[in-house]
Amino acid sequence: MTKSQINLPKTAFSMKANLPTREPEILEYWKKINLYDELRNQSKGREKFVLHDGPPYANGNIHMGTALNKILKDIIVKFHQMDGKDSIYVPGWDCHGLPIEWKIEEQYKKNKKRSGLKFTKLNLKD
């Protein structure tokens, strides 16, 4: 079967997406027209939707689930923006040290060592 045998619409769009070349051009255009600032200005006073995110991969190595998580959150924020809300994404990094401390403890356990932490009972009765 050839393309002359298939009924395809005529369009000015290129058949090749050429993303590595086009993406920087698109981002530069958005920067030039101040697209993000315009969205923020148009959204002022509308109902707010804020997605506060946690650390990107605090509990282990990055994997496909990490990417899926970020993509879904991006879709949610964009949906609410297009739904007429003042929608923003706030990245978060504070996990109070717990995941890294846990990883250190796991390493000590693996090497059959104790972390050296000593806990004492605190008497708060006066």
PDB file of N, CA and C in Angstrom:
ATOM      1  N   MET A   1       0.847  -1.171   0.000  1.00  0.00           N
ATOM      2  CA  MET A   1       0.000   0.000   0.000  1.00  0.00           C
ATOM      3  C   MET A   1       0.898   1.241   0.000  1.00  0.00           C
ATOM      4  N   THR A   2       0.565   2.202  -0.812  1.00  0.00           N
ATOM      5  CA  THR A   2       1.337   3.449  -0.902  1.00  0.00           C
ATOM      6  C   THR A   2       0.479   4.610  -0.409  1.00  0.00           C
ATOM      7  N   LYS A   3       1.118   5.772  -0.211  1.00  0.00           N
ATOM      8  CA  LYS A   3       0.360   6.913   0.309  1.00  0.00           C
ATOM      9  C   LYS A   3      -0.655   7.441  -0.700  1.00  0.00           C
ATOM     10  N   SER A   4      -0.460   7.126  -1.995  1.00  0.00           N
ATOM     11  CA  SER A   4      -1.456   7.544  -2.986  1.00  0.00           C
ATOM     12  C   SER A   4      -2.739   6.721  -2.858  1.00  0.00           C
ATOM     13  N   GLN A   5      -2.649   5.560  -2.208  1.00  0.00           N
ATOM     14  CA  GLN A   5      -3.818   4.704  -2.034  1.00  0.00           C
ATOM     15  C   GLN A   5      -4.556   4.991  -0.723  1.00  0.00           C
ATOM     16  N   ILE A   6      -3.968   5.817   0.135  1.00  0.00           N
ATOM     17  CA  ILE A   6      -4.585   6.138   1.425  1.00  0.00           C
ATOM     18  C   ILE A   6      -5.159   7.543   1.354  1.00  0.00           C
ATOM     19  N   ASN A   7      -6.353   7.712   1.845  1.00  0.00           N
ATOM     20  CA  ASN A   7      -7.018   9.016   1.813  1.00  0.00           C
ATOM     21  C   ASN A   7      -6.603   9.825   3.046  1.00  0.00           C
ATOM     22  N   LEU A   8      -5.506  10.574   2.936  1.00  0.00           N
ATOM     23  CA  LEU A   8      -5.013  11.398   4.031  1.00  0.00           C
ATOM     24  C   LEU A   8      -5.334  12.861   3.759  1.00  0.00           C
ATOM     25  N   PRO A   9      -5.628  13.625   4.790  1.00  0.00           N
ATOM     26  CA  PRO A   9      -5.907  15.056   4.573  1.00  0.00           C
ATOM     27  C   PRO A   9      -4.636  15.807   4.177  1.00  0.00           C
ATOM     28  N   LYS A  10      -4.814  16.873   3.438  1.00  0.00           N
ATOM     29  CA  LYS A  10      -3.700  17.747   3.070  1.00  0.00           C
ATOM     30  C   LYS A  10      -3.507  18.736   4.217  1.00  0.00           C
ATOM     31  N   THR A  11      -2.271  18.875   4.675  1.00  0.00           N
ATOM     32  CA  THR A  11      -1.991  19.771   5.800  1.00  0.00           C
ATOM     33  C   THR A  11      -0.618  20.414   5.624  1.00  0.00           C
ATOM     34  N   ALA A  12      -0.453  21.575   6.237  1.00  0.00           N
ATOM     35  CA  ALA A  12       0.830  22.272   6.181  1.00  0.00           C
ATOM     36  C   ALA A  12       1.786  21.751   7.242  1.00  0.00           C
ATOM     37  N   PHE A  13       1.288  20.897   8.139  1.00  0.00           N
ATOM     38  CA  PHE A  13       2.137  20.351   9.180  1.00  0.00           C
ATOM     39  C   PHE A  13       3.153  19.388   8.597  1.00  0.00           C
ATOM     40  N   SER A  14       4.353  19.447   9.141  1.00  0.00           N
ATOM     41  CA  SER A  14       5.396  18.532   8.720  1.00  0.00           C
ATOM     42  C   SER A  14       5.058  17.126   9.188  1.00  0.00           C
ATOM     43  N   MET A  15       5.425  16.139   8.413  1.00  0.00           N
ATOM     44  CA  MET A  15       5.196  14.749   8.803  1.00  0.00           C
ATOM     45  C   MET A  15       6.167  14.336   9.914  1.00  0.00           C
ATOM     46  N   LYS A  16       7.245  15.088  10.056  1.00  0.00           N
ATOM     47  CA  LYS A  16       8.251  14.786  11.068  1.00  0.00           C
ATOM     48  C   LYS A  16       8.141  15.815  12.199  1.00  0.00           C
ATOM     49  N   ALA A  17       8.035  15.339  13.408  1.00  0.00           N
ATOM     50  CA  ALA A  17       7.888  16.254  14.542  1.00  0.00           C
ATOM     51  C   ALA A  17       9.167  17.048  14.793  1.00  0.00           C
ATOM     52  N   ASN A  18      10.335  16.416  14.635  1.00  0.00           N
ATOM     53  CA  ASN A  18      11.628  17.087  14.773  1.00  0.00           C
ATOM     54  C   ASN A  18      11.763  17.810  16.116  1.00  0.00           C
ATOM     55  N   LEU A  19      11.377  17.128  17.177  1.00  0.00           N
ATOM     56  CA  LEU A  19      11.333  17.736  18.511  1.00  0.00           C
ATOM     57  C   LEU A  19      12.674  18.307  18.991  1.00  0.00           C
ATOM     58  N   PRO A  20      13.800  17.637  18.784  1.00  0.00           N
ATOM     59  CA  PRO A  20      15.053  18.227  19.287  1.00  0.00           C
ATOM     60  C   PRO A  20      15.345  19.615  18.712  1.00  0.00           C
ATOM     61  N   THR A  21      14.862  19.877  17.512  1.00  0.00           N
ATOM     62  CA  THR A  21      15.057  21.194  16.905  1.00  0.00           C
ATOM     63  C   THR A  21      13.929  22.143  17.285  1.00  0.00           C
ATOM     64  N   ARG A  22      12.706  21.643  17.263  1.00  0.00           N
ATOM     65  CA  ARG A  22      11.539  22.492  17.480  1.00  0.00           C
ATOM     66  C   ARG A  22      11.350  22.922  18.939  1.00  0.00           C
ATOM     67  N   GLU A  23      11.642  22.037  19.890  1.00  0.00           N
ATOM     68  CA  GLU A  23      11.384  22.367  21.293  1.00  0.00           C
ATOM     69  C   GLU A  23      12.128  23.632  21.738  1.00  0.00           C
ATOM     70  N   PRO A  24      13.431  23.772  21.475  1.00  0.00           N
ATOM     71  CA  PRO A  24      14.098  25.023  21.881  1.00  0.00           C
ATOM     72  C   PRO A  24      13.474  26.252  21.224  1.00  0.00           C
ATOM     73  N   GLU A  25      13.027  26.125  19.975  1.00  0.00           N
ATOM     74  CA  GLU A  25      12.373  27.248  19.294  1.00  0.00           C
ATOM     75  C   GLU A  25      11.060  27.618  19.982  1.00  0.00           C
ATOM     76  N   ILE A  26      10.279  26.604  20.340  1.00  0.00           N
ATOM     77  CA  ILE A  26       8.997  26.843  21.012  1.00  0.00           C
ATOM     78  C   ILE A  26       9.225  27.478  22.381  1.00  0.00           C
ATOM     79  N   LEU A  27      10.188  26.950  23.152  1.00  0.00           N
ATOM     80  CA  LEU A  27      10.471  27.507  24.475  1.00  0.00           C
ATOM     81  C   LEU A  27      10.944  28.957  24.375  1.00  0.00           C
ATOM     82  N   GLU A  28      11.763  29.249  23.376  1.00  0.00           N
ATOM     83  CA  GLU A  28      12.240  30.622  23.169  1.00  0.00           C
ATOM     84  C   GLU A  28      11.081  31.551  22.821  1.00  0.00           C
ATOM     85  N   TYR A  29      10.157  31.069  21.986  1.00  0.00           N
ATOM     86  CA  TYR A  29       8.979  31.865  21.629  1.00  0.00           C
ATOM     87  C   TYR A  29       8.125  32.139  22.867  1.00  0.00           C
ATOM     88  N   TRP A  30       7.890  31.126  23.702  1.00  0.00           N
ATOM     89  CA  TRP A  30       7.109  31.326  24.921  1.00  0.00           C
ATOM     90  C   TRP A  30       7.775  32.337  25.839  1.00  0.00           C
ATOM     91  N   LYS A  31       9.107  32.279  25.896  1.00  0.00           N
ATOM     92  CA  LYS A  31       9.857  33.233  26.718  1.00  0.00           C
ATOM     93  C   LYS A  31       9.711  34.652  26.154  1.00  0.00           C
ATOM     94  N   LYS A  32       9.791  34.761  24.843  1.00  0.00           N
ATOM     95  CA  LYS A  32       9.699  36.057  24.165  1.00  0.00           C
ATOM     96  C   LYS A  32       8.334  36.712  24.395  1.00  0.00           C
ATOM     97  N   ILE A  33       7.266  35.924  24.353  1.00  0.00           N
ATOM     98  CA  ILE A  33       5.926  36.497  24.536  1.00  0.00           C
ATOM     99  C   ILE A  33       5.496  36.522  26.008  1.00  0.00           C
ATOM    100  N   ASN A  34       6.414  36.114  26.908  1.00  0.00           N
ATOM    101  CA  ASN A  34       6.135  36.148  28.351  1.00  0.00           C
ATOM    102  C   ASN A  34       4.913  35.314  28.723  1.00  0.00           C
ATOM    103  N   LEU A  35       4.817  34.136  28.150  1.00  0.00           N
ATOM    104  CA  LEU A  35       3.631  33.301  28.305  1.00  0.00           C
ATOM    105  C   LEU A  35       3.306  32.983  29.765  1.00  0.00           C
ATOM    106  N   TYR A  36       4.305  32.570  30.542  1.00  0.00           N
ATOM    107  CA  TYR A  36       4.041  32.199  31.940  1.00  0.00           C
ATOM    108  C   TYR A  36       3.511  33.392  32.732  1.00  0.00           C
ATOM    109  N   ASP A  37       4.145  34.562  32.562  1.00  0.00           N
ATOM    110  CA  ASP A  37       3.689  35.749  33.287  1.00  0.00           C
ATOM    111  C   ASP A  37       2.269  36.137  32.872  1.00  0.00           C
ATOM    112  N   GLU A  38       1.954  35.966  31.589  1.00  0.00           N
ATOM    113  CA  GLU A  38       0.601  36.259  31.115  1.00  0.00           C
ATOM    114  C   GLU A  38      -0.424  35.330  31.764  1.00  0.00           C
ATOM    115  N   LEU A  39      -0.093  34.045  31.838  1.00  0.00           N
ATOM    116  CA  LEU A  39      -0.986  33.097  32.506  1.00  0.00           C
ATOM    117  C   LEU A  39      -1.195  33.484  33.964  1.00  0.00           C
ATOM    118  N   ARG A  40      -0.113  33.852  34.644  1.00  0.00           N
ATOM    119  CA  ARG A  40      -0.217  34.242  36.048  1.00  0.00           C
ATOM    120  C   ARG A  40      -1.105  35.488  36.188  1.00  0.00           C
ATOM    121  N   ASN A  41      -0.899  36.485  35.313  1.00  0.00           N
ATOM    122  CA  ASN A  41      -1.681  37.726  35.387  1.00  0.00           C
ATOM    123  C   ASN A  41      -3.159  37.477  35.105  1.00  0.00           C
ATOM    124  N   GLN A  42      -3.459  36.651  34.104  1.00  0.00           N
ATOM    125  CA  GLN A  42      -4.854  36.368  33.756  1.00  0.00           C
ATOM    126  C   GLN A  42      -5.557  35.574  34.860  1.00  0.00           C
ATOM    127  N   SER A  43      -4.797  34.843  35.658  1.00  0.00           N
ATOM    128  CA  SER A  43      -5.383  33.980  36.692  1.00  0.00           C
ATOM    129  C   SER A  43      -5.591  34.682  38.024  1.00  0.00           C
ATOM    130  N   LYS A  44      -5.072  35.894  38.167  1.00  0.00           N
ATOM    131  CA  LYS A  44      -5.194  36.602  39.452  1.00  0.00           C
ATOM    132  C   LYS A  44      -6.653  36.749  39.847  1.00  0.00           C
ATOM    133  N   GLY A  45      -6.928  36.451  41.126  1.00  0.00           N
ATOM    134  CA  GLY A  45      -8.277  36.604  41.651  1.00  0.00           C
ATOM    135  C   GLY A  45      -9.164  35.388  41.455  1.00  0.00           C
ATOM    136  N   ARG A  46      -8.734  34.450  40.668  1.00  0.00           N
ATOM    137  CA  ARG A  46      -9.532  33.237  40.461  1.00  0.00           C
ATOM    138  C   ARG A  46      -9.326  32.272  41.625  1.00  0.00           C
ATOM    139  N   GLU A  47     -10.187  31.256  41.673  1.00  0.00           N
ATOM    140  CA  GLU A  47     -10.031  30.216  42.678  1.00  0.00           C
ATOM    141  C   GLU A  47      -8.646  29.594  42.539  1.00  0.00           C
ATOM    142  N   LYS A  48      -7.964  29.406  43.676  1.00  0.00           N
ATOM    143  CA  LYS A  48      -6.599  28.863  43.652  1.00  0.00           C
ATOM    144  C   LYS A  48      -6.602  27.344  43.670  1.00  0.00           C
ATOM    145  N   PHE A  49      -5.651  26.776  42.952  1.00  0.00           N
ATOM    146  CA  PHE A  49      -5.325  25.362  43.067  1.00  0.00           C
ATOM    147  C   PHE A  49      -3.816  25.281  43.161  1.00  0.00           C
ATOM    148  N   VAL A  50      -3.311  24.808  44.288  1.00  0.00           N
ATOM    149  CA  VAL A  50      -1.867  24.716  44.498  1.00  0.00           C
ATOM    150  C   VAL A  50      -1.507  23.258  44.738  1.00  0.00           C
ATOM    151  N   LEU A  51      -0.595  22.725  43.945  1.00  0.00           N
ATOM    152  CA  LEU A  51      -0.113  21.374  44.161  1.00  0.00           C
ATOM    153  C   LEU A  51       1.255  21.478  44.818  1.00  0.00           C
ATOM    154  N   HIS A  52       1.305  21.168  46.106  1.00  0.00           N
ATOM    155  CA  HIS A  52       2.568  21.137  46.848  1.00  0.00           C
ATOM    156  C   HIS A  52       3.141  19.739  46.680  1.00  0.00           C
ATOM    157  N   ASP A  53       4.286  19.648  46.069  1.00  0.00           N
ATOM    158  CA  ASP A  53       4.895  18.358  45.790  1.00  0.00           C
ATOM    159  C   ASP A  53       5.990  18.060  46.799  1.00  0.00           C
ATOM    160  N   GLY A  54       6.266  16.793  46.954  1.00  0.00           N
ATOM    161  CA  GLY A  54       7.349  16.370  47.833  1.00  0.00           C
ATOM    162  C   GLY A  54       8.641  16.222  47.045  1.00  0.00           C
ATOM    163  N   PRO A  55       9.658  15.685  47.670  1.00  0.00           N
ATOM    164  CA  PRO A  55      10.935  15.495  46.980  1.00  0.00           C
ATOM    165  C   PRO A  55      10.767  14.551  45.788  1.00  0.00           C
ATOM    166  N   PRO A  56      11.568  14.735  44.747  1.00  0.00           N
ATOM    167  CA  PRO A  56      11.387  13.920  43.538  1.00  0.00           C
ATOM    168  C   PRO A  56      11.614  12.431  43.758  1.00  0.00           C
ATOM    169  N   TYR A  57      12.621  12.065  44.499  1.00  0.00           N
ATOM    170  CA  TYR A  57      12.859  10.635  44.750  1.00  0.00           C
ATOM    171  C   TYR A  57      13.648  10.475  46.040  1.00  0.00           C
ATOM    172  N   ALA A  58      12.982  10.779  47.137  1.00  0.00           N
ATOM    173  CA  ALA A  58      13.643  10.776  48.444  1.00  0.00           C
ATOM    174  C   ALA A  58      13.856   9.369  48.983  1.00  0.00           C
ATOM    175  N   ASN A  59      13.066   8.415  48.525  1.00  0.00           N
ATOM    176  CA  ASN A  59      13.105   7.080  49.120  1.00  0.00           C
ATOM    177  C   ASN A  59      13.779   6.042  48.241  1.00  0.00           C
ATOM    178  N   GLY A  60      14.752   6.427  47.490  1.00  0.00           N
ATOM    179  CA  GLY A  60      15.445   5.452  46.658  1.00  0.00           C
ATOM    180  C   GLY A  60      15.877   6.064  45.345  1.00  0.00           C
ATOM    181  N   ASN A  61      16.274   5.201  44.444  1.00  0.00           N
ATOM    182  CA  ASN A  61      16.757   5.656  43.143  1.00  0.00           C
ATOM    183  C   ASN A  61      15.593   6.043  42.233  1.00  0.00           C
ATOM    184  N   ILE A  62      15.883   6.924  41.294  1.00  0.00           N
ATOM    185  CA  ILE A  62      14.869   7.358  40.332  1.00  0.00           C
ATOM    186  C   ILE A  62      14.511   6.171  39.429  1.00  0.00           C
ATOM    187  N   HIS A  63      13.229   6.086  39.040  1.00  0.00           N
ATOM    188  CA  HIS A  63      12.766   4.985  38.192  1.00  0.00           C
ATOM    189  C   HIS A  63      11.574   5.475  37.374  1.00  0.00           C
ATOM    190  N   MET A  64      10.983   4.609  36.568  1.00  0.00           N
ATOM    191  CA  MET A  64       9.890   5.010  35.688  1.00  0.00           C
ATOM    192  C   MET A  64       8.670   5.496  36.485  1.00  0.00           C
ATOM    193  N   GLY A  65       8.457   4.945  37.666  1.00  0.00           N
ATOM    194  CA  GLY A  65       7.355   5.407  38.511  1.00  0.00           C
ATOM    195  C   GLY A  65       7.538   6.860  38.920  1.00  0.00           C
ATOM    196  N   THR A  66       8.787   7.273  39.109  1.00  0.00           N
ATOM    197  CA  THR A  66       9.089   8.665  39.454  1.00  0.00           C
ATOM    198  C   THR A  66       8.666   9.573  38.301  1.00  0.00           C
ATOM    199  N   ALA A  67       9.012   9.166  37.087  1.00  0.00           N
ATOM    200  CA  ALA A  67       8.639   9.955  35.898  1.00  0.00           C
ATOM    201  C   ALA A  67       7.118  10.019  35.760  1.00  0.00           C
ATOM    202  N   LEU A  68       6.457   8.874  35.911  1.00  0.00           N
ATOM    203  CA  LEU A  68       4.997   8.839  35.803  1.00  0.00           C
ATOM    204  C   LEU A  68       4.362   9.759  36.840  1.00  0.00           C
ATOM    205  N   ASN A  69       4.869   9.737  38.061  1.00  0.00           N
ATOM    206  CA  ASN A  69       4.362  10.584  39.136  1.00  0.00           C
ATOM    207  C   ASN A  69       4.432  12.055  38.724  1.00  0.00           C
ATOM    208  N   LYS A  70       5.570  12.491  38.216  1.00  0.00           N
ATOM    209  CA  LYS A  70       5.750  13.903  37.834  1.00  0.00           C
ATOM    210  C   LYS A  70       4.863  14.277  36.652  1.00  0.00           C
ATOM    211  N   ILE A  71       4.734  13.361  35.686  1.00  0.00           N
ATOM    212  CA  ILE A  71       3.895  13.628  34.513  1.00  0.00           C
ATOM    213  C   ILE A  71       2.432  13.788  34.931  1.00  0.00           C
ATOM    214  N   LEU A  72       1.957  12.899  35.790  1.00  0.00           N
ATOM    215  CA  LEU A  72       0.570  12.989  36.252  1.00  0.00           C
ATOM    216  C   LEU A  72       0.318  14.282  37.020  1.00  0.00           C
ATOM    217  N   LYS A  73       1.269  14.673  37.856  1.00  0.00           N
ATOM    218  CA  LYS A  73       1.107  15.922  38.613  1.00  0.00           C
ATOM    219  C   LYS A  73       1.091  17.123  37.665  1.00  0.00           C
ATOM    220  N   ASP A  74       1.902  17.082  36.621  1.00  0.00           N
ATOM    221  CA  ASP A  74       1.919  18.156  35.635  1.00  0.00           C
ATOM    222  C   ASP A  74       0.568  18.245  34.919  1.00  0.00           C
ATOM    223  N   ILE A  75       0.017  17.085  34.573  1.00  0.00           N
ATOM    224  CA  ILE A  75      -1.296  17.052  33.910  1.00  0.00           C
ATOM    225  C   ILE A  75      -2.368  17.639  34.824  1.00  0.00           C
ATOM    226  N   ILE A  76      -2.322  17.294  36.101  1.00  0.00           N
ATOM    227  CA  ILE A  76      -3.321  17.793  37.069  1.00  0.00           C
ATOM    228  C   ILE A  76      -3.252  19.310  37.179  1.00  0.00           C
ATOM    229  N   VAL A  77      -2.045  19.853  37.295  1.00  0.00           N
ATOM    230  CA  VAL A  77      -1.880  21.310  37.415  1.00  0.00           C
ATOM    231  C   VAL A  77      -2.388  21.998  36.146  1.00  0.00           C
ATOM    232  N   LYS A  78      -2.029  21.462  34.986  1.00  0.00           N
ATOM    233  CA  LYS A  78      -2.468  22.074  33.720  1.00  0.00           C
ATOM    234  C   LYS A  78      -3.981  21.965  33.546  1.00  0.00           C
ATOM    235  N   PHE A  79      -4.558  20.837  33.956  1.00  0.00           N
ATOM    236  CA  PHE A  79      -6.013  20.685  33.878  1.00  0.00           C
ATOM    237  C   PHE A  79      -6.706  21.791  34.673  1.00  0.00           C
ATOM    238  N   HIS A  80      -6.260  22.005  35.907  1.00  0.00           N
ATOM    239  CA  HIS A  80      -6.902  23.017  36.745  1.00  0.00           C
ATOM    240  C   HIS A  80      -6.691  24.420  36.185  1.00  0.00           C
ATOM    241  N   GLN A  81      -5.548  24.688  35.562  1.00  0.00           N
ATOM    242  CA  GLN A  81      -5.308  25.990  34.930  1.00  0.00           C
ATOM    243  C   GLN A  81      -6.280  26.184  33.771  1.00  0.00           C
ATOM    244  N   MET A  82      -6.424  25.144  32.950  1.00  0.00           N
ATOM    245  CA  MET A  82      -7.332  25.247  31.795  1.00  0.00           C
ATOM    246  C   MET A  82      -8.793  25.242  32.234  1.00  0.00           C
ATOM    247  N   ASP A  83      -9.061  24.792  33.456  1.00  0.00           N
ATOM    248  CA  ASP A  83     -10.414  24.787  34.008  1.00  0.00           C
ATOM    249  C   ASP A  83     -10.770  26.151  34.615  1.00  0.00           C
ATOM    250  N   GLY A  84      -9.872  27.112  34.490  1.00  0.00           N
ATOM    251  CA  GLY A  84     -10.175  28.469  34.930  1.00  0.00           C
ATOM    252  C   GLY A  84      -9.677  28.833  36.311  1.00  0.00           C
ATOM    253  N   LYS A  85      -8.850  28.011  36.904  1.00  0.00           N
ATOM    254  CA  LYS A  85      -8.340  28.299  38.244  1.00  0.00           C
ATOM    255  C   LYS A  85      -6.943  28.925  38.149  1.00  0.00           C
ATOM    256  N   ASP A  86      -6.536  29.528  39.250  1.00  0.00           N
ATOM    257  CA  ASP A  86      -5.170  30.026  39.385  1.00  0.00           C
ATOM    258  C   ASP A  86      -4.351  28.853  39.907  1.00  0.00           C
ATOM    259  N   SER A  87      -3.793  28.097  38.997  1.00  0.00           N
ATOM    260  CA  SER A  87      -3.172  26.815  39.324  1.00  0.00           C
ATOM    261  C   SER A  87      -1.654  26.925  39.272  1.00  0.00           C
ATOM    262  N   ILE A  88      -1.010  26.553  40.379  1.00  0.00           N
ATOM    263  CA  ILE A  88       0.451  26.579  40.401  1.00  0.00           C
ATOM    264  C   ILE A  88       1.004  25.287  41.000  1.00  0.00           C
ATOM    265  N   TYR A  89       2.221  25.015  40.641  1.00  0.00           N
ATOM    266  CA  TYR A  89       2.957  23.852  41.127  1.00  0.00           C
ATOM    267  C   TYR A  89       4.065  24.366  42.031  1.00  0.00           C
ATOM    268  N   VAL A  90       4.128  23.849  43.247  1.00  0.00           N
ATOM    269  CA  VAL A  90       5.165  24.256  44.195  1.00  0.00           C
ATOM    270  C   VAL A  90       6.027  23.039  44.508  1.00  0.00           C
ATOM    271  N   PRO A  91       7.254  23.014  43.971  1.00  0.00           N
ATOM    272  CA  PRO A  91       8.120  21.858  44.263  1.00  0.00           C
ATOM    273  C   PRO A  91       8.577  21.892  45.713  1.00  0.00           C
ATOM    274  N   GLY A  92       8.683  20.724  46.297  1.00  0.00           N
ATOM    275  CA  GLY A  92       9.126  20.633  47.684  1.00  0.00           C
ATOM    276  C   GLY A  92      10.349  19.745  47.800  1.00  0.00           C
ATOM    277  N   TRP A  93      11.184  20.052  48.760  1.00  0.00           N
ATOM    278  CA  TRP A  93      12.412  19.273  48.938  1.00  0.00           C
ATOM    279  C   TRP A  93      12.592  18.815  50.368  1.00  0.00           C
ATOM    280  N   ASP A  94      11.802  19.337  51.267  1.00  0.00           N
ATOM    281  CA  ASP A  94      12.022  19.025  52.673  1.00  0.00           C
ATOM    282  C   ASP A  94      11.329  17.728  53.050  1.00  0.00           C
ATOM    283  N   CYS A  95      12.102  16.736  53.389  1.00  0.00           N
ATOM    284  CA  CYS A  95      11.532  15.481  53.892  1.00  0.00           C
ATOM    285  C   CYS A  95      12.108  15.198  55.274  1.00  0.00           C
ATOM    286  N   HIS A  96      12.578  16.253  55.942  1.00  0.00           N
ATOM    287  CA  HIS A  96      13.072  16.197  57.316  1.00  0.00           C
ATOM    288  C   HIS A  96      14.217  15.210  57.506  1.00  0.00           C
ATOM    289  N   GLY A  97      14.912  14.902  56.437  1.00  0.00           N
ATOM    290  CA  GLY A  97      16.086  14.047  56.551  1.00  0.00           C
ATOM    291  C   GLY A  97      15.796  12.575  56.722  1.00  0.00           C
ATOM    292  N   LEU A  98      14.569  12.203  56.969  1.00  0.00           N
ATOM    293  CA  LEU A  98      14.273  10.816  57.289  1.00  0.00           C
ATOM    294  C   LEU A  98      14.710   9.820  56.209  1.00  0.00           C
ATOM    295  N   PRO A  99      14.398  10.017  54.935  1.00  0.00           N
ATOM    296  CA  PRO A  99      14.812   9.011  53.950  1.00  0.00           C
ATOM    297  C   PRO A  99      16.324   8.804  53.894  1.00  0.00           C
ATOM    298  N   ILE A 100      17.105   9.869  53.964  1.00  0.00           N
ATOM    299  CA  ILE A 100      18.558   9.700  53.900  1.00  0.00           C
ATOM    300  C   ILE A 100      19.073   9.055  55.185  1.00  0.00           C
ATOM    301  N   GLU A 101      18.473   9.423  56.310  1.00  0.00           N
ATOM    302  CA  GLU A 101      18.879   8.786  57.564  1.00  0.00           C
ATOM    303  C   GLU A 101      18.559   7.294  57.539  1.00  0.00           C
ATOM    304  N   TRP A 102      17.418   6.942  56.960  1.00  0.00           N
ATOM    305  CA  TRP A 102      17.044   5.534  56.861  1.00  0.00           C
ATOM    306  C   TRP A 102      18.028   4.785  55.971  1.00  0.00           C
ATOM    307  N   LYS A 103      18.432   5.403  54.861  1.00  0.00           N
ATOM    308  CA  LYS A 103      19.404   4.772  53.954  1.00  0.00           C
ATOM    309  C   LYS A 103      20.730   4.522  54.677  1.00  0.00           C
ATOM    310  N   ILE A 104      21.146   5.450  55.508  1.00  0.00           N
ATOM    311  CA  ILE A 104      22.389   5.282  56.267  1.00  0.00           C
ATOM    312  C   ILE A 104      22.245   4.122  57.237  1.00  0.00           C
ATOM    313  N   GLU A 105      21.104   4.066  57.914  1.00  0.00           N
ATOM    314  CA  GLU A 105      20.858   2.956  58.839  1.00  0.00           C
ATOM    315  C   GLU A 105      20.870   1.618  58.104  1.00  0.00           C
ATOM    316  N   GLU A 106      20.258   1.565  56.913  1.00  0.00           N
ATOM    317  CA  GLU A 106      20.264   0.335  56.124  1.00  0.00           C
ATOM    318  C   GLU A 106      21.691  -0.086  55.779  1.00  0.00           C
ATOM    319  N   GLN A 107      22.524   0.895  55.437  1.00  0.00           N
ATOM    320  CA  GLN A 107      23.919   0.606  55.098  1.00  0.00           C
ATOM    321  C   GLN A 107      24.661   0.023  56.298  1.00  0.00           C
ATOM    322  N   TYR A 108      24.410   0.609  57.481  1.00  0.00           N
ATOM    323  CA  TYR A 108      25.042   0.089  58.690  1.00  0.00           C
ATOM    324  C   TYR A 108      24.584  -1.339  58.972  1.00  0.00           C
ATOM    325  N   LYS A 109      23.287  -1.597  58.809  1.00  0.00           N
ATOM    326  CA  LYS A 109      22.754  -2.937  59.039  1.00  0.00           C
ATOM    327  C   LYS A 109      23.370  -3.937  58.070  1.00  0.00           C
ATOM    328  N   LYS A 110      23.532  -3.519  56.834  1.00  0.00           N
ATOM    329  CA  LYS A 110      24.107  -4.390  55.818  1.00  0.00           C
ATOM    330  C   LYS A 110      25.541  -4.766  56.186  1.00  0.00           C
ATOM    331  N   ASN A 111      26.266  -3.828  56.744  1.00  0.00           N
ATOM    332  CA  ASN A 111      27.661  -4.063  57.129  1.00  0.00           C
ATOM    333  C   ASN A 111      27.782  -4.591  58.555  1.00  0.00           C
ATOM    334  N   LYS A 112      26.655  -4.947  59.165  1.00  0.00           N
ATOM    335  CA  LYS A 112      26.611  -5.499  60.526  1.00  0.00           C
ATOM    336  C   LYS A 112      27.220  -4.555  61.568  1.00  0.00           C
ATOM    337  N   LYS A 113      27.023  -3.290  61.338  1.00  0.00           N
ATOM    338  CA  LYS A 113      27.519  -2.307  62.301  1.00  0.00           C
ATOM    339  C   LYS A 113      26.330  -1.603  62.925  1.00  0.00           C
ATOM    340  N   ARG A 114      26.568  -1.027  64.046  1.00  0.00           N
ATOM    341  CA  ARG A 114      25.541  -0.192  64.663  1.00  0.00           C
ATOM    342  C   ARG A 114      25.863   1.254  64.311  1.00  0.00           C
ATOM    343  N   SER A 115      24.856   2.049  64.271  1.00  0.00           N
ATOM    344  CA  SER A 115      25.052   3.434  63.849  1.00  0.00           C
ATOM    345  C   SER A 115      25.829   4.252  64.867  1.00  0.00           C
ATOM    346  N   GLY A 116      25.925   3.782  66.085  1.00  0.00           N
ATOM    347  CA  GLY A 116      26.634   4.556  67.099  1.00  0.00           C
ATOM    348  C   GLY A 116      25.723   5.532  67.811  1.00  0.00           C
ATOM    349  N   LEU A 117      24.456   5.580  67.425  1.00  0.00           N
ATOM    350  CA  LEU A 117      23.523   6.464  68.098  1.00  0.00           C
ATOM    351  C   LEU A 117      23.160   5.873  69.444  1.00  0.00           C
ATOM    352  N   LYS A 118      23.175   6.697  70.463  1.00  0.00           N
ATOM    353  CA  LYS A 118      22.800   6.250  71.798  1.00  0.00           C
ATOM    354  C   LYS A 118      21.587   7.046  72.233  1.00  0.00           C
ATOM    355  N   PHE A 119      20.588   6.329  72.653  1.00  0.00           N
ATOM    356  CA  PHE A 119      19.375   6.983  73.105  1.00  0.00           C
ATOM    357  C   PHE A 119      19.306   6.895  74.626  1.00  0.00           C
ATOM    358  N   THR A 120      18.930   7.978  75.246  1.00  0.00           N
ATOM    359  CA  THR A 120      18.787   7.986  76.701  1.00  0.00           C
ATOM    360  C   THR A 120      17.355   8.362  77.023  1.00  0.00           C
ATOM    361  N   LYS A 121      16.878   7.844  78.115  1.00  0.00           N
ATOM    362  CA  LYS A 121      15.529   8.171  78.539  1.00  0.00           C
ATOM    363  C   LYS A 121      15.541   9.535  79.196  1.00  0.00           C
ATOM    364  N   LEU A 122      14.641  10.376  78.767  1.00  0.00           N
ATOM    365  CA  LEU A 122      14.556  11.714  79.298  1.00  0.00           C
ATOM    366  C   LEU A 122      13.449  11.756  80.343  1.00  0.00           C
ATOM    367  N   ASN A 123      13.787  12.174  81.530  1.00  0.00           N
ATOM    368  CA  ASN A 123      12.816  12.259  82.603  1.00  0.00           C
ATOM    369  C   ASN A 123      12.298  13.685  82.661  1.00  0.00           C
ATOM    370  N   LEU A 124      11.033  13.859  82.298  1.00  0.00           N
ATOM    371  CA  LEU A 124      10.454  15.208  82.268  1.00  0.00           C
ATOM    372  C   LEU A 124       9.669  15.533  83.529  1.00  0.00           C
ATOM    373  N   LYS A 125       9.629  14.615  84.496  1.00  0.00           N
ATOM    374  CA  LYS A 125       8.890  14.869  85.733  1.00  0.00           C
ATOM    375  C   LYS A 125       9.743  15.741  86.651  1.00  0.00           C
ATOM    376  N   ASP A 126       9.128  16.747  87.204  1.00  0.00           N
ATOM    377  CA  ASP A 126       9.835  17.639  88.136  1.00  0.00           C
ATOM    378  C   ASP A 126       9.406  17.388  89.547  1.00  0.00           C
TER     379      ASP A 126
END
